[in-house]
Amino acid sequence: MSAFNAIGEEREIDRDEFTPGNEPQPTWCPGCGDFGVLKALKQALPEVGRNPEEVLTVTGIGCSGKLNSYLDSYGFHTIHGRSLPVARAAKLANPELEVVAAGGDGDGYGIGGNHFIHTARENHDMTYIVFNNEVFGLTKGQTSPTSPKGHKSKTQPSGSAKTPIRPLSQSLNAGAGYIARTAAVNPNQAKEIIKEAIEYDGFAHIDFLTQCPTWNKDAKQYVPYIDIQESDDYEHDINDRAEASQMMFETENKLYEGEVLTGRYYVDDESPSYQAEKQAIGEMPDEPLVERYFDEDYEWERSYDLLDRHK
């Protein structure tokens, strides 16, 4: 897809533009599903007409946190579980920026779980990709919020006694407008879902199943996937909240039984994003705040206003 460059000329975008000139040697393990996320993202961004200078990726801590190192765009590597508040601030300051937040299941659903709920509830306009491999991979395989009950690790050698969370249902209940699940071994679907999420006006949550061949060899991500949009056995209206909820409930019950369903689960085409609501009630200016920062006249006017208020 074509886009306009900084001087207004229309041009074609090459996916290689998102590869750093001095590409670092990946530190992900051979066979890691995180490579699939990176590939799908690098394919999707140019196809929706985004230049590298129009994209910000915000990551937390974990294997997923290395995404910025391999993607030539603006990047912000935050602390554990804090990718979403930083991404929210960046999007509010510059709504024209394409903001993609990323985290692992431990980082995003565990340490950052509270931010996940409230960012979805407020429907901030951004894409959130959670690399879900059902373990804390970077720290050698401890159980995470999505580890199945009974999962054995060095910290829980007798098996986890906890029931895993249901991220799709949790996202729907919190208020996310776009919810999908895809997988690293299904690259075509992954690319299309990321494209839709980027173009969605609101909070788009993608639960991205990524295999971890080093620390979670028993993960069910290796079994064949069923695309719920392509299968005759599954039918639901993605705009119907109740039907989406029922599909998620069935899917999340079956995930650990060997049947992995992927695809779009819910799309809310009517609810406005947080930014749109703020603009409607006059709490956000039409021009990006980030541009005001560099407006010398505005800064002087604001200073005079502050002085007048405190006289």
C-alpha atoms as a PDB file:
ATOM      1  CA  MET A   1       0.000   0.000   0.000  1.00  0.00           C
ATOM      2  CA  SER A   2       1.180   3.513  -0.692  1.00  0.00           C
ATOM      3  CA  ALA A   3       1.638   6.315   1.804  1.00  0.00           C
ATOM      4  CA  PHE A   4       2.828   9.887   1.862  1.00  0.00           C
ATOM      5  CA  ASN A   5       6.331  10.763   2.937  1.00  0.00           C
ATOM      6  CA  ALA A   6       7.386  13.748   5.038  1.00  0.00           C
ATOM      7  CA  ILE A   7       7.292  16.159   2.100  1.00  0.00           C
ATOM      8  CA  GLY A   8       3.914  14.967   0.864  1.00  0.00           C
ATOM      9  CA  GLU A   9       5.011  12.679  -1.955  1.00  0.00           C
ATOM     10  CA  GLU A  10       3.073   9.453  -2.449  1.00  0.00           C
ATOM     11  CA  ARG A  11       5.219   6.347  -2.459  1.00  0.00           C
ATOM     12  CA  GLU A  12       5.096   2.586  -1.970  1.00  0.00           C
ATOM     13  CA  ILE A  13       6.092   1.225   1.437  1.00  0.00           C
ATOM     14  CA  ASP A  14       8.440  -1.732   1.536  1.00  0.00           C
ATOM     15  CA  ARG A  15       8.179  -4.099   4.518  1.00  0.00           C
ATOM     16  CA  ASP A  16      12.009  -4.144   4.657  1.00  0.00           C
ATOM     17  CA  GLU A  17      11.834  -0.532   5.845  1.00  0.00           C
ATOM     18  CA  PHE A  18      10.758  -1.945   9.211  1.00  0.00           C
ATOM     19  CA  THR A  19      13.988  -3.965   9.463  1.00  0.00           C
ATOM     20  CA  PRO A  20      16.786  -2.079  11.273  1.00  0.00           C
ATOM     21  CA  GLY A  21      19.812  -1.197   9.175  1.00  0.00           C
ATOM     22  CA  ASN A  22      22.098  -2.809  11.710  1.00  0.00           C
ATOM     23  CA  GLU A  23      19.754  -5.683  12.489  1.00  0.00           C
ATOM     24  CA  PRO A  24      20.752  -7.232  15.816  1.00  0.00           C
ATOM     25  CA  GLN A  25      21.178 -10.972  16.142  1.00  0.00           C
ATOM     26  CA  PRO A  26      17.853 -12.245  17.589  1.00  0.00           C
ATOM     27  CA  THR A  27      18.129 -13.604  21.099  1.00  0.00           C
ATOM     28  CA  TRP A  28      14.842 -15.511  20.900  1.00  0.00           C
ATOM     29  CA  CYS A  29      15.309 -19.281  20.969  1.00  0.00           C
ATOM     30  CA  PRO A  30      15.199 -21.225  17.678  1.00  0.00           C
ATOM     31  CA  GLY A  31      11.578 -22.140  17.020  1.00  0.00           C
ATOM     32  CA  CYS A  32      10.195 -19.433  19.304  1.00  0.00           C
ATOM     33  CA  GLY A  33       6.749 -18.184  18.333  1.00  0.00           C
ATOM     34  CA  ASP A  34       7.817 -14.577  18.879  1.00  0.00           C
ATOM     35  CA  PHE A  35       9.388 -14.622  15.418  1.00  0.00           C
ATOM     36  CA  GLY A  36       5.879 -15.115  14.054  1.00  0.00           C
ATOM     37  CA  VAL A  37       4.596 -11.981  15.792  1.00  0.00           C
ATOM     38  CA  LEU A  38       7.468  -9.909  14.430  1.00  0.00           C
ATOM     39  CA  LYS A  39       6.966 -11.207  10.902  1.00  0.00           C
ATOM     40  CA  ALA A  40       3.211 -10.629  10.936  1.00  0.00           C
ATOM     41  CA  LEU A  41       3.644  -7.106  12.296  1.00  0.00           C
ATOM     42  CA  LYS A  42       6.280  -6.202   9.713  1.00  0.00           C
ATOM     43  CA  GLN A  43       3.943  -7.442   6.975  1.00  0.00           C
ATOM     44  CA  ALA A  44       0.828  -5.759   8.334  1.00  0.00           C
ATOM     45  CA  LEU A  45       2.174  -2.240   8.945  1.00  0.00           C
ATOM     46  CA  PRO A  46       3.099  -1.391   5.322  1.00  0.00           C
ATOM     47  CA  GLU A  47      -0.121  -2.992   4.068  1.00  0.00           C
ATOM     48  CA  VAL A  48      -2.169  -0.520   6.114  1.00  0.00           C
ATOM     49  CA  GLY A  49      -0.043   2.337   4.787  1.00  0.00           C
ATOM     50  CA  ARG A  50       2.113   3.045   7.812  1.00  0.00           C
ATOM     51  CA  ASN A  51       5.678   4.378   7.583  1.00  0.00           C
ATOM     52  CA  PRO A  52       8.217   3.449  10.281  1.00  0.00           C
ATOM     53  CA  GLU A  53       8.249   7.063  11.491  1.00  0.00           C
ATOM     54  CA  GLU A  54       4.481   6.881  12.118  1.00  0.00           C
ATOM     55  CA  VAL A  55       4.675   3.868  14.433  1.00  0.00           C
ATOM     56  CA  LEU A  56       5.494   3.535  18.134  1.00  0.00           C
ATOM     57  CA  THR A  57       5.856   0.099  19.724  1.00  0.00           C
ATOM     58  CA  VAL A  58       5.792  -0.022  23.526  1.00  0.00           C
ATOM     59  CA  THR A  59       6.935  -3.167  25.311  1.00  0.00           C
ATOM     60  CA  GLY A  60       7.299  -4.453  28.850  1.00  0.00           C
ATOM     61  CA  ILE A  61       9.683  -7.012  30.319  1.00  0.00           C
ATOM     62  CA  GLY A  62      10.078 -10.536  29.013  1.00  0.00           C
ATOM     63  CA  CYS A  63      10.921 -12.180  25.700  1.00  0.00           C
ATOM     64  CA  SER A  64       8.230 -10.001  24.081  1.00  0.00           C
ATOM     65  CA  GLY A  65      10.076  -6.917  25.344  1.00  0.00           C
ATOM     66  CA  LYS A  66      12.720  -7.448  22.685  1.00  0.00           C
ATOM     67  CA  LEU A  67      10.292  -6.658  19.879  1.00  0.00           C
ATOM     68  CA  ASN A  68      11.543  -3.075  19.642  1.00  0.00           C
ATOM     69  CA  SER A  69      15.067  -4.251  18.964  1.00  0.00           C
ATOM     70  CA  TYR A  70      14.028  -5.991  15.764  1.00  0.00           C
ATOM     71  CA  LEU A  71      11.534  -3.451  14.406  1.00  0.00           C
ATOM     72  CA  ASP A  72      12.721  -0.202  12.853  1.00  0.00           C
ATOM     73  CA  SER A  73      10.200   2.261  14.281  1.00  0.00           C
ATOM     74  CA  TYR A  74       9.937   4.394  17.373  1.00  0.00           C
ATOM     75  CA  GLY A  75      10.179   2.199  20.450  1.00  0.00           C
ATOM     76  CA  PHE A  76       9.805   2.467  24.200  1.00  0.00           C
ATOM     77  CA  HIS A  77      10.923  -0.357  26.496  1.00  0.00           C
ATOM     78  CA  THR A  78       9.111   0.043  29.793  1.00  0.00           C
ATOM     79  CA  ILE A  79       9.278  -1.793  33.108  1.00  0.00           C
ATOM     80  CA  HIS A  80       7.376  -4.971  33.922  1.00  0.00           C
ATOM     81  CA  GLY A  81       3.666  -4.778  33.134  1.00  0.00           C
ATOM     82  CA  ARG A  82       3.719  -1.077  32.294  1.00  0.00           C
ATOM     83  CA  SER A  83       3.555  -0.995  28.517  1.00  0.00           C
ATOM     84  CA  LEU A  84      -0.103   0.075  28.445  1.00  0.00           C
ATOM     85  CA  PRO A  85       0.063   3.257  30.573  1.00  0.00           C
ATOM     86  CA  VAL A  86       3.030   4.478  28.528  1.00  0.00           C
ATOM     87  CA  ALA A  87       1.225   3.605  25.306  1.00  0.00           C
ATOM     88  CA  ARG A  88      -1.884   5.458  26.504  1.00  0.00           C
ATOM     89  CA  ALA A  89       0.093   8.590  27.274  1.00  0.00           C
ATOM     90  CA  ALA A  90       1.826   8.516  23.898  1.00  0.00           C
ATOM     91  CA  LYS A  91      -1.462   8.079  22.033  1.00  0.00           C
ATOM     92  CA  LEU A  92      -3.153  10.887  23.965  1.00  0.00           C
ATOM     93  CA  ALA A  93      -0.245  13.232  23.271  1.00  0.00           C
ATOM     94  CA  ASN A  94      -0.079  12.350  19.596  1.00  0.00           C
ATOM     95  CA  PRO A  95      -3.264  10.709  18.234  1.00  0.00           C
ATOM     96  CA  GLU A  96      -1.705  10.601  14.770  1.00  0.00           C
ATOM     97  CA  LEU A  97       0.886   8.092  15.967  1.00  0.00           C
ATOM     98  CA  GLU A  98       0.121   4.397  15.385  1.00  0.00           C
ATOM     99  CA  VAL A  99       0.651   2.905  18.831  1.00  0.00           C
ATOM    100  CA  VAL A 100       1.205  -0.831  19.284  1.00  0.00           C
ATOM    101  CA  ALA A 101       1.717  -2.121  22.820  1.00  0.00           C
ATOM    102  CA  ALA A 102       3.130  -5.584  23.414  1.00  0.00           C
ATOM    103  CA  GLY A 103       3.678  -7.864  26.379  1.00  0.00           C
ATOM    104  CA  GLY A 104       3.852 -11.507  27.361  1.00  0.00           C
ATOM    105  CA  ASP A 105       1.157 -13.403  29.246  1.00  0.00           C
ATOM    106  CA  GLY A 106       3.089 -12.946  32.490  1.00  0.00           C
ATOM    107  CA  ASP A 107       3.873  -9.316  31.788  1.00  0.00           C
ATOM    108  CA  GLY A 108       0.504  -8.350  30.313  1.00  0.00           C
ATOM    109  CA  TYR A 109      -2.008 -10.524  32.187  1.00  0.00           C
ATOM    110  CA  GLY A 110      -0.066 -10.838  35.455  1.00  0.00           C
ATOM    111  CA  ILE A 111       2.017  -7.838  36.478  1.00  0.00           C
ATOM    112  CA  GLY A 112       0.137  -5.549  34.080  1.00  0.00           C
ATOM    113  CA  GLY A 113      -3.293  -7.074  34.614  1.00  0.00           C
ATOM    114  CA  ASN A 114      -4.792  -3.995  36.202  1.00  0.00           C
ATOM    115  CA  HIS A 115      -3.643  -1.754  33.354  1.00  0.00           C
ATOM    116  CA  PHE A 116      -5.078  -4.257  30.873  1.00  0.00           C
ATOM    117  CA  ILE A 117      -8.532  -4.065  32.454  1.00  0.00           C
ATOM    118  CA  HIS A 118      -8.681  -0.288  32.616  1.00  0.00           C
ATOM    119  CA  THR A 119      -7.193   0.365  29.176  1.00  0.00           C
ATOM    120  CA  ALA A 120      -9.837  -1.962  27.732  1.00  0.00           C
ATOM    121  CA  ARG A 121     -12.561  -0.366  29.858  1.00  0.00           C
ATOM    122  CA  GLU A 122     -11.695   3.095  28.583  1.00  0.00           C
ATOM    123  CA  ASN A 123     -11.355   1.839  24.980  1.00  0.00           C
ATOM    124  CA  HIS A 124      -8.106   3.655  24.228  1.00  0.00           C
ATOM    125  CA  ASP A 125      -7.310   3.688  20.535  1.00  0.00           C
ATOM    126  CA  MET A 126      -4.351   1.318  20.177  1.00  0.00           C
ATOM    127  CA  THR A 127      -3.398  -2.262  19.383  1.00  0.00           C
ATOM    128  CA  TYR A 128      -2.357  -4.560  22.222  1.00  0.00           C
ATOM    129  CA  ILE A 129      -0.591  -7.801  21.307  1.00  0.00           C
ATOM    130  CA  VAL A 130      -0.060 -10.312  24.096  1.00  0.00           C
ATOM    131  CA  PHE A 131       2.518 -13.016  23.341  1.00  0.00           C
ATOM    132  CA  ASN A 132       0.830 -15.934  25.082  1.00  0.00           C
ATOM    133  CA  ASN A 133       3.113 -18.954  25.540  1.00  0.00           C
ATOM    134  CA  GLU A 134       1.595 -19.970  28.900  1.00  0.00           C
ATOM    135  CA  VAL A 135       4.844 -19.496  30.870  1.00  0.00           C
ATOM    136  CA  PHE A 136       7.316 -16.848  32.012  1.00  0.00           C
ATOM    137  CA  GLY A 137       9.808 -17.714  29.275  1.00  0.00           C
ATOM    138  CA  LEU A 138      12.598 -15.204  29.912  1.00  0.00           C
ATOM    139  CA  THR A 139      12.986 -16.301  33.531  1.00  0.00           C
ATOM    140  CA  LYS A 140      13.060 -19.993  32.668  1.00  0.00           C
ATOM    141  CA  GLY A 141       9.526 -21.263  32.638  1.00  0.00           C
ATOM    142  CA  GLN A 142       7.721 -20.346  35.844  1.00  0.00           C
ATOM    143  CA  THR A 143       3.944 -20.695  35.735  1.00  0.00           C
ATOM    144  CA  SER A 144       2.119 -17.655  34.378  1.00  0.00           C
ATOM    145  CA  PRO A 145      -1.555 -16.572  34.587  1.00  0.00           C
ATOM    146  CA  THR A 146      -2.315 -18.655  31.471  1.00  0.00           C
ATOM    147  CA  SER A 147      -0.406 -21.810  32.487  1.00  0.00           C
ATOM    148  CA  PRO A 148      -2.805 -24.747  32.632  1.00  0.00           C
ATOM    149  CA  LYS A 149      -3.739 -26.188  35.998  1.00  0.00           C
ATOM    150  CA  GLY A 150      -1.232 -28.893  36.852  1.00  0.00           C
ATOM    151  CA  HIS A 151       1.609 -27.327  34.826  1.00  0.00           C
ATOM    152  CA  LYS A 152       4.917 -28.372  36.366  1.00  0.00           C
ATOM    153  CA  SER A 153       7.866 -26.009  36.599  1.00  0.00           C
ATOM    154  CA  LYS A 154      10.965 -25.598  38.768  1.00  0.00           C
ATOM    155  CA  THR A 155       9.018 -23.337  41.098  1.00  0.00           C
ATOM    156  CA  GLN A 156       5.971 -25.629  41.195  1.00  0.00           C
ATOM    157  CA  PRO A 157       7.378 -29.147  40.685  1.00  0.00           C
ATOM    158  CA  SER A 158       4.136 -30.759  41.829  1.00  0.00           C
ATOM    159  CA  GLY A 159       2.115 -28.738  39.341  1.00  0.00           C
ATOM    160  CA  SER A 160       0.194 -25.475  39.448  1.00  0.00           C
ATOM    161  CA  ALA A 161      -2.880 -25.595  41.652  1.00  0.00           C
ATOM    162  CA  LYS A 162      -4.363 -22.493  40.019  1.00  0.00           C
ATOM    163  CA  THR A 163      -6.973 -22.301  37.285  1.00  0.00           C
ATOM    164  CA  PRO A 164      -5.716 -20.176  34.357  1.00  0.00           C
ATOM    165  CA  ILE A 165      -7.344 -16.873  33.533  1.00  0.00           C
ATOM    166  CA  ARG A 166      -9.577 -16.439  30.472  1.00  0.00           C
ATOM    167  CA  PRO A 167      -8.011 -13.495  28.635  1.00  0.00           C
ATOM    168  CA  LEU A 168     -10.615 -13.231  25.871  1.00  0.00           C
ATOM    169  CA  SER A 169     -13.543 -13.201  28.291  1.00  0.00           C
ATOM    170  CA  GLN A 170     -11.692 -10.875  30.609  1.00  0.00           C
ATOM    171  CA  SER A 171     -11.094  -8.462  27.738  1.00  0.00           C
ATOM    172  CA  LEU A 172     -14.766  -8.550  26.699  1.00  0.00           C
ATOM    173  CA  ASN A 173     -16.003  -8.021  30.243  1.00  0.00           C
ATOM    174  CA  ALA A 174     -13.607  -5.107  30.693  1.00  0.00           C
ATOM    175  CA  GLY A 175     -14.927  -3.357  27.571  1.00  0.00           C
ATOM    176  CA  ALA A 176     -12.451  -3.914  24.710  1.00  0.00           C
ATOM    177  CA  GLY A 177     -13.936  -3.124  21.305  1.00  0.00           C
ATOM    178  CA  TYR A 178     -11.918  -5.573  19.188  1.00  0.00           C
ATOM    179  CA  ILE A 179     -10.907  -9.012  20.474  1.00  0.00           C
ATOM    180  CA  ALA A 180      -9.167 -11.742  18.514  1.00  0.00           C
ATOM    181  CA  ARG A 181      -6.911 -14.735  18.989  1.00  0.00           C
ATOM    182  CA  THR A 182      -4.338 -15.874  16.473  1.00  0.00           C
ATOM    183  CA  ALA A 183      -1.179 -17.944  16.467  1.00  0.00           C
ATOM    184  CA  ALA A 184       2.397 -17.799  15.282  1.00  0.00           C
ATOM    185  CA  VAL A 185       1.943 -20.980  13.250  1.00  0.00           C
ATOM    186  CA  ASN A 186      -0.909 -19.362  11.308  1.00  0.00           C
ATOM    187  CA  PRO A 187       0.957 -16.444   9.670  1.00  0.00           C
ATOM    188  CA  ASN A 188      -1.642 -15.420   7.084  1.00  0.00           C
ATOM    189  CA  GLN A 189      -4.410 -15.123   9.655  1.00  0.00           C
ATOM    190  CA  ALA A 190      -2.048 -13.359  12.064  1.00  0.00           C
ATOM    191  CA  LYS A 191      -1.199 -10.689   9.501  1.00  0.00           C
ATOM    192  CA  GLU A 192      -4.840 -10.067   8.619  1.00  0.00           C
ATOM    193  CA  ILE A 193      -5.883  -9.813  12.268  1.00  0.00           C
ATOM    194  CA  ILE A 194      -3.082  -7.350  13.046  1.00  0.00           C
ATOM    195  CA  LYS A 195      -4.138  -5.230  10.065  1.00  0.00           C
ATOM    196  CA  GLU A 196      -7.731  -5.140  11.316  1.00  0.00           C
ATOM    197  CA  ALA A 197      -6.610  -4.319  14.836  1.00  0.00           C
ATOM    198  CA  ILE A 198      -4.447  -1.419  13.657  1.00  0.00           C
ATOM    199  CA  GLU A 199      -7.289   0.009  11.599  1.00  0.00           C
ATOM    200  CA  TYR A 200      -9.827  -0.395  14.420  1.00  0.00           C
ATOM    201  CA  ASP A 201     -10.775   2.868  16.157  1.00  0.00           C
ATOM    202  CA  GLY A 202     -10.535   1.780  19.795  1.00  0.00           C
ATOM    203  CA  PHE A 203      -8.791  -0.781  21.976  1.00  0.00           C
ATOM    204  CA  ALA A 204      -7.880  -3.842  19.909  1.00  0.00           C
ATOM    205  CA  HIS A 205      -6.688  -6.833  21.921  1.00  0.00           C
ATOM    206  CA  ILE A 206      -4.962  -9.761  20.233  1.00  0.00           C
ATOM    207  CA  ASP A 207      -4.193 -12.873  22.267  1.00  0.00           C
ATOM    208  CA  PHE A 208      -1.292 -14.181  20.146  1.00  0.00           C
ATOM    209  CA  LEU A 209      -0.439 -17.830  20.879  1.00  0.00           C
ATOM    210  CA  THR A 210       3.318 -18.271  20.663  1.00  0.00           C
ATOM    211  CA  GLN A 211       5.010 -21.604  21.147  1.00  0.00           C
ATOM    212  CA  CYS A 212       7.884 -21.813  23.640  1.00  0.00           C
ATOM    213  CA  PRO A 213       9.981 -24.848  22.615  1.00  0.00           C
ATOM    214  CA  THR A 214      12.466 -24.301  25.449  1.00  0.00           C
ATOM    215  CA  TRP A 215      10.317 -23.980  28.581  1.00  0.00           C
ATOM    216  CA  ASN A 216       6.874 -25.233  27.608  1.00  0.00           C
ATOM    217  CA  LYS A 217       7.297 -28.275  25.421  1.00  0.00           C
ATOM    218  CA  ASP A 218       3.857 -29.621  26.378  1.00  0.00           C
ATOM    219  CA  ALA A 219       1.942 -26.496  25.314  1.00  0.00           C
ATOM    220  CA  LYS A 220      -1.145 -27.159  23.252  1.00  0.00           C
ATOM    221  CA  GLN A 221      -0.130 -24.467  20.753  1.00  0.00           C
ATOM    222  CA  TYR A 222       1.387 -27.203  18.617  1.00  0.00           C
ATOM    223  CA  VAL A 223      -1.917 -28.843  17.749  1.00  0.00           C
ATOM    224  CA  PRO A 224      -3.711 -27.829  14.509  1.00  0.00           C
ATOM    225  CA  TYR A 225      -5.716 -24.627  14.674  1.00  0.00           C
ATOM    226  CA  ILE A 226      -9.285 -24.089  13.598  1.00  0.00           C
ATOM    227  CA  ASP A 227     -10.217 -20.709  12.146  1.00  0.00           C
ATOM    228  CA  ILE A 228     -13.691 -19.977  13.503  1.00  0.00           C
ATOM    229  CA  GLN A 229     -14.429 -17.680  10.555  1.00  0.00           C
ATOM    230  CA  GLU A 230     -13.586 -20.452   8.085  1.00  0.00           C
ATOM    231  CA  SER A 231     -15.086 -23.479   9.880  1.00  0.00           C
ATOM    232  CA  ASP A 232     -18.650 -24.677   9.235  1.00  0.00           C
ATOM    233  CA  ASP A 233     -18.789 -26.011  12.788  1.00  0.00           C
ATOM    234  CA  TYR A 234     -18.637 -22.585  14.393  1.00  0.00           C
ATOM    235  CA  GLU A 235     -20.884 -19.695  13.634  1.00  0.00           C
ATOM    236  CA  HIS A 236     -21.436 -16.534  15.590  1.00  0.00           C
ATOM    237  CA  ASP A 237     -22.092 -12.864  14.943  1.00  0.00           C
ATOM    238  CA  ILE A 238     -18.879 -11.053  15.871  1.00  0.00           C
ATOM    239  CA  ASN A 239     -20.880  -7.885  16.530  1.00  0.00           C
ATOM    240  CA  ASP A 240     -23.162  -9.653  19.011  1.00  0.00           C
ATOM    241  CA  ARG A 241     -21.744  -9.386  22.513  1.00  0.00           C
ATOM    242  CA  ALA A 242     -23.704 -12.327  23.912  1.00  0.00           C
ATOM    243  CA  GLU A 243     -22.725 -14.665  21.070  1.00  0.00           C
ATOM    244  CA  ALA A 244     -19.099 -13.566  21.329  1.00  0.00           C
ATOM    245  CA  SER A 245     -19.155 -14.248  25.048  1.00  0.00           C
ATOM    246  CA  GLN A 246     -20.510 -17.764  24.476  1.00  0.00           C
ATOM    247  CA  MET A 247     -17.861 -18.494  21.819  1.00  0.00           C
ATOM    248  CA  MET A 248     -15.102 -17.292  24.114  1.00  0.00           C
ATOM    249  CA  PHE A 249     -16.391 -19.456  26.948  1.00  0.00           C
ATOM    250  CA  GLU A 250     -16.356 -22.549  24.719  1.00  0.00           C
ATOM    251  CA  THR A 251     -12.934 -21.711  23.284  1.00  0.00           C
ATOM    252  CA  GLU A 252     -11.295 -21.061  26.588  1.00  0.00           C
ATOM    253  CA  ASN A 253     -12.664 -24.317  27.948  1.00  0.00           C
ATOM    254  CA  LYS A 254     -11.230 -26.240  25.011  1.00  0.00           C
ATOM    255  CA  LEU A 255      -7.833 -24.539  24.792  1.00  0.00           C
ATOM    256  CA  TYR A 256      -6.264 -26.927  27.271  1.00  0.00           C
ATOM    257  CA  GLU A 257      -8.098 -29.943  25.901  1.00  0.00           C
ATOM    258  CA  GLY A 258      -6.268 -29.904  22.588  1.00  0.00           C
ATOM    259  CA  GLU A 259      -8.663 -27.895  20.404  1.00  0.00           C
ATOM    260  CA  VAL A 260      -7.374 -24.427  19.589  1.00  0.00           C
ATOM    261  CA  LEU A 261      -9.770 -22.008  17.943  1.00  0.00           C
ATOM    262  CA  THR A 262      -8.512 -18.744  16.467  1.00  0.00           C
ATOM    263  CA  GLY A 263     -10.041 -15.803  14.679  1.00  0.00           C
ATOM    264  CA  ARG A 264     -12.059 -12.704  15.438  1.00  0.00           C
ATOM    265  CA  TYR A 265     -14.332 -13.034  18.440  1.00  0.00           C
ATOM    266  CA  TYR A 266     -15.808  -9.592  18.912  1.00  0.00           C
ATOM    267  CA  VAL A 267     -15.889  -6.284  17.047  1.00  0.00           C
ATOM    268  CA  ASP A 268     -17.812  -3.317  18.437  1.00  0.00           C
ATOM    269  CA  ASP A 269     -18.434  -0.921  15.573  1.00  0.00           C
ATOM    270  CA  GLU A 270     -20.452   1.575  17.574  1.00  0.00           C
ATOM    271  CA  SER A 271     -18.695   2.526  20.813  1.00  0.00           C
ATOM    272  CA  PRO A 272     -16.437   5.581  20.464  1.00  0.00           C
ATOM    273  CA  SER A 273     -12.801   5.431  21.477  1.00  0.00           C
ATOM    274  CA  TYR A 274     -11.554   7.249  24.579  1.00  0.00           C
ATOM    275  CA  GLN A 275      -9.972   9.912  22.398  1.00  0.00           C
ATOM    276  CA  ALA A 276     -13.183  10.477  20.445  1.00  0.00           C
ATOM    277  CA  GLU A 277     -15.212  10.809  23.647  1.00  0.00           C
ATOM    278  CA  LYS A 278     -12.743  13.266  25.115  1.00  0.00           C
ATOM    279  CA  GLN A 279     -12.852  15.396  21.984  1.00  0.00           C
ATOM    280  CA  ALA A 280     -16.656  15.314  21.985  1.00  0.00           C
ATOM    281  CA  ILE A 281     -16.831  16.811  25.482  1.00  0.00           C
ATOM    282  CA  GLY A 282     -14.090  19.337  24.748  1.00  0.00           C
ATOM    283  CA  GLU A 283     -11.341  17.847  26.906  1.00  0.00           C
ATOM    284  CA  MET A 284      -8.992  17.134  24.024  1.00  0.00           C
ATOM    285  CA  PRO A 285      -7.917  19.688  21.435  1.00  0.00           C
ATOM    286  CA  ASP A 286      -8.249  18.959  17.745  1.00  0.00           C
ATOM    287  CA  GLU A 287      -4.530  19.433  17.187  1.00  0.00           C
ATOM    288  CA  PRO A 288      -2.131  16.935  18.825  1.00  0.00           C
ATOM    289  CA  LEU A 289      -0.830  17.998  22.233  1.00  0.00           C
ATOM    290  CA  VAL A 290       2.649  17.042  21.120  1.00  0.00           C
ATOM    291  CA  GLU A 291       2.583  19.844  18.560  1.00  0.00           C
ATOM    292  CA  ARG A 292       1.479  22.374  21.153  1.00  0.00           C
ATOM    293  CA  TYR A 293       4.609  21.593  23.108  1.00  0.00           C
ATOM    294  CA  PHE A 294       6.684  23.057  20.296  1.00  0.00           C
ATOM    295  CA  ASP A 295       4.419  26.067  19.760  1.00  0.00           C
ATOM    296  CA  GLU A 296       6.289  28.988  21.300  1.00  0.00           C
ATOM    297  CA  ASP A 297       3.320  31.348  21.086  1.00  0.00           C
ATOM    298  CA  TYR A 298       1.085  28.820  22.819  1.00  0.00           C
ATOM    299  CA  GLU A 299       3.613  28.325  25.596  1.00  0.00           C
ATOM    300  CA  TRP A 300       3.755  32.074  26.218  1.00  0.00           C
ATOM    301  CA  GLU A 301      -0.057  32.321  26.219  1.00  0.00           C
ATOM    302  CA  ARG A 302      -0.279  29.427  28.654  1.00  0.00           C
ATOM    303  CA  SER A 303       2.266  31.094  30.928  1.00  0.00           C
ATOM    304  CA  TYR A 304       0.251  34.320  30.949  1.00  0.00           C
ATOM    305  CA  ASP A 305      -2.910  32.331  31.755  1.00  0.00           C
ATOM    306  CA  LEU A 306      -1.211  30.631  34.688  1.00  0.00           C
ATOM    307  CA  LEU A 307       0.081  33.973  35.999  1.00  0.00           C
ATOM    308  CA  ASP A 308      -3.397  35.493  35.752  1.00  0.00           C
ATOM    309  CA  ARG A 309      -4.908  32.585  37.692  1.00  0.00           C
ATOM    310  CA  HIS A 310      -2.496  32.993  40.578  1.00  0.00           C
ATOM    311  CA  LYS A 311      -2.602  36.766  40.937  1.00  0.00           C
END
